[in-house]
N, C-alpha and C. Protein backbone atom coordinates (compact mmCIF):
# COMPACT_ATOMS: atom_id res chain seq x y z
N UNK A 1 56.17 57.53 142.00
CA UNK A 1 54.96 57.13 141.30
C UNK A 1 54.75 55.96 140.48
N UNK A 2 54.72 54.64 140.55
CA UNK A 2 54.77 53.74 139.53
C UNK A 2 53.51 53.78 138.71
N UNK A 3 53.86 53.76 137.20
CA UNK A 3 52.69 53.99 136.40
C UNK A 3 52.55 52.61 135.74
N UNK A 4 51.78 52.63 134.84
CA UNK A 4 51.24 51.47 133.95
C UNK A 4 52.55 50.93 133.37
N UNK A 5 53.27 51.61 132.68
CA UNK A 5 54.53 51.39 131.85
C UNK A 5 55.47 50.68 132.76
N UNK A 6 55.57 51.30 134.01
CA UNK A 6 56.68 50.72 134.82
C UNK A 6 56.24 49.08 135.44
N UNK A 7 54.98 49.18 135.52
CA UNK A 7 54.06 47.83 135.78
C UNK A 7 54.71 46.58 134.70
N UNK A 8 54.53 47.11 133.49
CA UNK A 8 54.74 46.32 132.40
C UNK A 8 56.14 45.72 132.58
N UNK A 9 57.01 46.80 132.91
CA UNK A 9 58.40 46.16 132.96
C UNK A 9 58.83 45.62 133.96
N UNK A 10 57.94 45.58 135.37
CA UNK A 10 58.28 44.75 136.35
C UNK A 10 57.71 43.42 135.75
N UNK A 11 56.59 43.31 135.50
CA UNK A 11 56.02 42.06 135.08
C UNK A 11 57.02 41.41 133.84
N UNK A 12 57.65 42.19 132.97
CA UNK A 12 58.47 41.51 132.03
C UNK A 12 59.77 40.71 132.68
N UNK A 13 60.16 41.83 133.75
CA UNK A 13 61.50 41.15 134.33
C UNK A 13 61.14 39.89 135.28
N UNK A 14 59.95 39.88 135.78
CA UNK A 14 59.56 38.83 136.57
C UNK A 14 58.71 37.53 135.73
N UNK A 15 58.94 37.71 134.50
CA UNK A 15 58.09 36.78 133.42
C UNK A 15 56.96 36.38 133.66
N UNK A 16 56.37 37.52 134.03
CA UNK A 16 54.82 37.30 134.24
C UNK A 16 53.86 37.72 133.13
N UNK A 17 52.88 37.04 132.59
CA UNK A 17 51.75 37.50 131.84
C UNK A 17 50.57 38.25 132.24
N UNK A 18 50.54 39.28 132.43
CA UNK A 18 49.41 40.07 133.15
C UNK A 18 48.46 40.83 132.00
N UNK A 19 47.15 41.03 132.18
CA UNK A 19 46.33 41.90 131.53
C UNK A 19 46.59 43.23 131.50
N UNK A 20 45.87 43.93 130.75
CA UNK A 20 46.14 45.24 130.95
C UNK A 20 45.06 45.83 132.01
N UNK A 21 43.80 45.20 132.43
CA UNK A 21 43.19 45.27 133.78
C UNK A 21 44.06 45.17 135.02
N UNK A 22 44.94 44.07 134.85
CA UNK A 22 45.78 43.90 135.76
C UNK A 22 46.92 44.78 136.10
N UNK A 23 47.25 45.29 134.97
CA UNK A 23 48.31 46.36 134.94
C UNK A 23 47.93 47.73 135.84
N UNK A 24 46.56 47.96 135.27
CA UNK A 24 45.70 49.05 136.01
C UNK A 24 45.81 48.75 137.65
N UNK A 25 45.39 47.51 138.03
CA UNK A 25 45.09 47.21 139.53
C UNK A 25 46.55 47.13 140.07
N UNK A 26 47.48 46.80 139.56
CA UNK A 26 49.00 46.58 140.19
C UNK A 26 49.53 47.78 140.45
N UNK A 27 49.19 48.89 139.50
CA UNK A 27 50.05 50.16 139.69
C UNK A 27 49.66 50.87 141.04
N UNK A 28 48.51 51.08 141.71
CA UNK A 28 47.88 51.63 142.92
C UNK A 28 48.58 50.60 144.04
N UNK A 29 48.61 49.39 143.82
CA UNK A 29 49.15 48.48 144.77
C UNK A 29 50.53 48.47 145.04
N UNK A 30 51.26 48.41 143.97
CA UNK A 30 52.70 48.71 144.19
C UNK A 30 52.89 50.17 144.92
N UNK A 31 52.19 50.95 144.32
CA UNK A 31 52.58 52.64 145.09
C UNK A 31 52.25 52.49 146.35
N UNK A 32 51.26 51.53 146.92
CA UNK A 32 50.78 51.49 148.42
C UNK A 32 52.02 50.91 149.26
N UNK A 33 52.72 49.70 148.50
CA UNK A 33 53.74 49.13 149.16
C UNK A 33 55.01 50.16 149.27
N UNK A 34 55.14 50.77 148.21
CA UNK A 34 56.39 51.76 148.24
C UNK A 34 56.08 52.91 149.32
N UNK A 35 55.08 53.17 149.16
CA UNK A 35 54.72 54.30 150.55
C UNK A 35 54.84 53.70 151.79
N UNK A 36 54.25 52.57 152.04
CA UNK A 36 54.64 51.74 153.38
C UNK A 36 56.21 51.76 153.84
N UNK A 37 56.90 51.13 152.84
CA UNK A 37 58.38 51.67 152.98
C UNK A 37 59.00 52.59 153.32
N UNK A 38 58.43 53.75 152.85
CA UNK A 38 58.75 55.39 152.95
C UNK A 38 58.28 55.39 154.46
N UNK A 39 57.20 55.29 154.65
CA UNK A 39 56.90 55.41 156.18
C UNK A 39 57.80 54.57 157.10
N UNK A 40 58.18 53.60 156.95
CA UNK A 40 58.98 52.51 157.71
C UNK A 40 60.39 53.35 157.61
N UNK A 41 60.90 54.02 156.46
CA UNK A 41 62.12 54.41 156.56
C UNK A 41 62.13 55.75 157.57
N UNK A 42 61.17 56.25 158.03
CA UNK A 42 60.98 57.38 159.02
C UNK A 42 61.39 56.76 160.33
N UNK A 43 61.39 55.52 160.60
CA UNK A 43 61.75 55.22 161.82
C UNK A 43 62.91 55.28 162.34
N UNK A 44 63.50 55.31 163.67
CA UNK A 44 64.74 55.62 163.98
C UNK A 44 65.23 53.93 164.42
N UNK A 45 65.83 53.50 163.67
CA UNK A 45 66.48 52.14 163.91
C UNK A 45 67.73 52.03 164.25
N UNK A 46 68.41 53.14 164.67
CA UNK A 46 69.89 53.38 164.74
C UNK A 46 70.49 52.14 165.62
N UNK A 47 69.74 52.16 166.70
CA UNK A 47 70.18 51.05 167.90
C UNK A 47 69.50 49.66 167.92
N UNK A 48 69.01 49.48 166.82
CA UNK A 48 68.20 48.30 166.62
C UNK A 48 68.98 47.21 165.79
N UNK A 49 69.24 46.24 166.58
CA UNK A 49 70.00 45.15 165.56
C UNK A 49 69.11 44.48 164.72
N UNK A 50 69.87 44.13 163.53
CA UNK A 50 69.16 43.51 162.52
C UNK A 50 68.67 42.24 162.77
N UNK A 51 67.39 41.76 162.23
CA UNK A 51 66.82 40.52 162.66
C UNK A 51 65.93 39.91 161.40
N UNK A 52 65.95 38.61 161.43
CA UNK A 52 65.12 37.91 160.19
C UNK A 52 63.62 37.92 160.50
N UNK A 53 63.43 37.66 161.99
CA UNK A 53 61.95 37.62 162.34
C UNK A 53 61.81 38.21 163.56
N UNK A 54 60.36 38.44 164.05
CA UNK A 54 60.16 38.97 165.15
C UNK A 54 60.37 38.24 166.40
N UNK A 55 60.07 36.87 166.14
CA UNK A 55 60.17 36.21 167.38
C UNK A 55 61.14 35.10 166.86
N UNK A 56 62.09 34.56 167.88
CA UNK A 56 62.77 33.38 167.68
C UNK A 56 62.17 31.94 167.48
N UNK A 57 62.71 31.50 166.58
CA UNK A 57 62.01 30.21 166.26
C UNK A 57 63.11 29.10 166.16
N UNK A 58 62.91 27.87 166.79
CA UNK A 58 63.67 26.74 166.78
C UNK A 58 62.94 25.73 166.07
N UNK A 59 63.85 24.75 165.17
CA UNK A 59 63.25 23.71 164.63
C UNK A 59 63.52 22.23 165.53
N UNK A 60 62.68 21.80 165.99
CA UNK A 60 62.60 20.42 166.79
C UNK A 60 62.90 19.55 165.81
N UNK A 61 63.82 18.90 165.74
CA UNK A 61 64.23 17.73 164.71
C UNK A 61 64.89 16.37 165.59
N UNK A 62 64.84 15.32 165.12
CA UNK A 62 65.24 14.15 165.62
C UNK A 62 66.55 13.81 164.67
N UNK A 63 67.33 13.26 165.66
CA UNK A 63 68.31 12.54 164.79
C UNK A 63 68.48 11.52 163.81
N UNK A 64 68.92 11.71 162.76
CA UNK A 64 68.89 10.48 161.53
C UNK A 64 69.61 9.60 162.25
N UNK A 65 69.05 8.18 161.58
CA UNK A 65 69.61 7.02 161.92
C UNK A 65 69.37 6.14 161.07
N UNK A 66 70.35 5.30 160.63
CA UNK A 66 70.19 4.29 159.55
C UNK A 66 69.33 3.14 160.08
N UNK A 67 68.54 2.31 159.40
CA UNK A 67 68.11 1.30 159.94
C UNK A 67 67.61 0.42 158.75
N UNK A 68 67.74 -0.76 158.94
CA UNK A 68 67.72 -1.88 157.83
C UNK A 68 66.14 -2.35 157.99
N UNK A 69 65.63 -2.19 156.75
CA UNK A 69 64.22 -2.67 156.54
C UNK A 69 64.20 -4.17 156.42
N UNK A 70 63.48 -4.95 157.32
CA UNK A 70 63.55 -6.59 156.70
C UNK A 70 62.76 -6.91 155.72
N UNK A 71 61.59 -6.37 155.25
CA UNK A 71 60.77 -7.07 154.13
C UNK A 71 60.71 -6.19 153.06
N UNK A 72 62.00 -6.25 152.17
CA UNK A 72 62.17 -5.75 151.10
C UNK A 72 60.88 -5.69 149.91
N UNK A 73 60.42 -6.97 149.58
CA UNK A 73 59.36 -6.93 148.94
C UNK A 73 58.23 -5.96 149.26
N UNK A 74 57.87 -6.40 150.50
CA UNK A 74 56.72 -5.20 150.80
C UNK A 74 56.94 -3.85 150.66
N UNK A 75 58.05 -3.33 150.81
CA UNK A 75 58.60 -2.05 150.84
C UNK A 75 58.40 -1.74 149.47
N UNK A 76 58.86 -2.58 148.64
CA UNK A 76 58.63 -2.24 147.09
C UNK A 76 57.30 -2.08 146.50
N UNK A 77 56.41 -2.92 147.14
CA UNK A 77 54.77 -3.08 146.78
C UNK A 77 54.23 -1.74 147.18
N UNK A 78 54.56 -1.26 148.29
CA UNK A 78 54.21 0.23 148.79
C UNK A 78 54.62 1.45 147.92
N UNK A 79 55.45 1.36 146.90
CA UNK A 79 55.97 2.60 145.86
C UNK A 79 54.82 2.57 144.93
N UNK A 80 54.75 3.80 144.67
CA UNK A 80 53.72 4.12 143.54
C UNK A 80 54.17 3.35 142.15
N UNK A 81 55.43 3.20 142.14
CA UNK A 81 56.02 2.69 140.64
C UNK A 81 57.65 2.34 141.17
N UNK A 82 57.59 0.92 140.40
CA UNK A 82 58.67 0.44 140.66
C UNK A 82 59.37 -0.15 139.41
N UNK A 83 60.86 -0.34 139.51
CA UNK A 83 61.49 -0.72 138.41
C UNK A 83 62.44 -1.68 138.71
N UNK A 84 62.21 -3.05 138.68
CA UNK A 84 63.05 -4.05 139.23
C UNK A 84 63.16 -3.97 140.56
N UNK A 85 64.26 -4.13 141.22
CA UNK A 85 64.38 -3.92 142.79
C UNK A 85 64.55 -2.43 143.15
N UNK A 86 64.19 -1.52 142.57
CA UNK A 86 64.34 -0.03 142.85
C UNK A 86 62.99 0.86 142.69
N UNK A 87 62.87 1.87 143.17
CA UNK A 87 61.78 2.66 143.37
C UNK A 87 61.76 3.74 141.97
N UNK A 88 60.89 3.79 141.21
CA UNK A 88 60.74 4.55 139.83
C UNK A 88 60.42 6.17 140.49
N UNK A 89 61.08 6.75 140.22
CA UNK A 89 60.62 8.28 140.42
C UNK A 89 60.64 9.11 138.93
N UNK A 90 59.82 10.64 139.27
CA UNK A 90 59.90 11.11 137.97
C UNK A 90 60.81 11.91 137.83
N UNK A 91 61.21 11.90 136.43
CA UNK A 91 62.73 12.61 135.98
C UNK A 91 62.28 14.15 136.26
N UNK A 92 63.60 14.57 137.07
CA UNK A 92 63.36 16.06 137.34
C UNK A 92 64.62 16.95 136.79
N UNK A 93 65.57 16.22 136.36
CA UNK A 93 66.65 17.09 135.49
C UNK A 93 66.54 16.38 133.92
N UNK A 94 66.66 17.20 133.01
CA UNK A 94 66.83 16.87 131.69
C UNK A 94 68.14 16.52 131.28
N UNK A 95 68.42 16.08 130.21
CA UNK A 95 69.83 15.66 129.95
C UNK A 95 69.93 16.04 128.49
N UNK A 96 70.93 16.24 127.89
CA UNK A 96 71.29 16.48 126.47
C UNK A 96 71.49 15.19 125.75
N UNK A 97 71.41 14.05 126.46
CA UNK A 97 71.45 12.80 125.86
C UNK A 97 70.36 12.39 125.35
N UNK A 98 69.20 12.59 125.57
CA UNK A 98 67.81 12.15 124.97
C UNK A 98 67.87 12.14 123.53
C-alpha cells in the first residue's frame, strides 16, 4: 500500500512539486492503479503474443519529394521572422559560447 511518504518520494523522483493535499489525494489513486495491475496479473496470458496496441494501425504517408519554389521573396515574406535570405527560428539548444 502506497502511503503519503511514498507519494512524496515518487513526486521527488519525477521532479514534481505537489502540495500536501495532492499527496493525500494521490495515495489512494496510485493504490487503485496498483490494485488494477494485480487484477490484470491474475489473467492467463501464457499463449497471448505481446502487442503494443489492441488494433493494428498504419500511417498513411506520401513520399517526400524535393520541389523548387519559384518566388523566394514571397516565401520569405510568409515567415514570421526572417534574417536576410533565411528564416529566423527560435533557439532550441543552448551553447557554452554565449
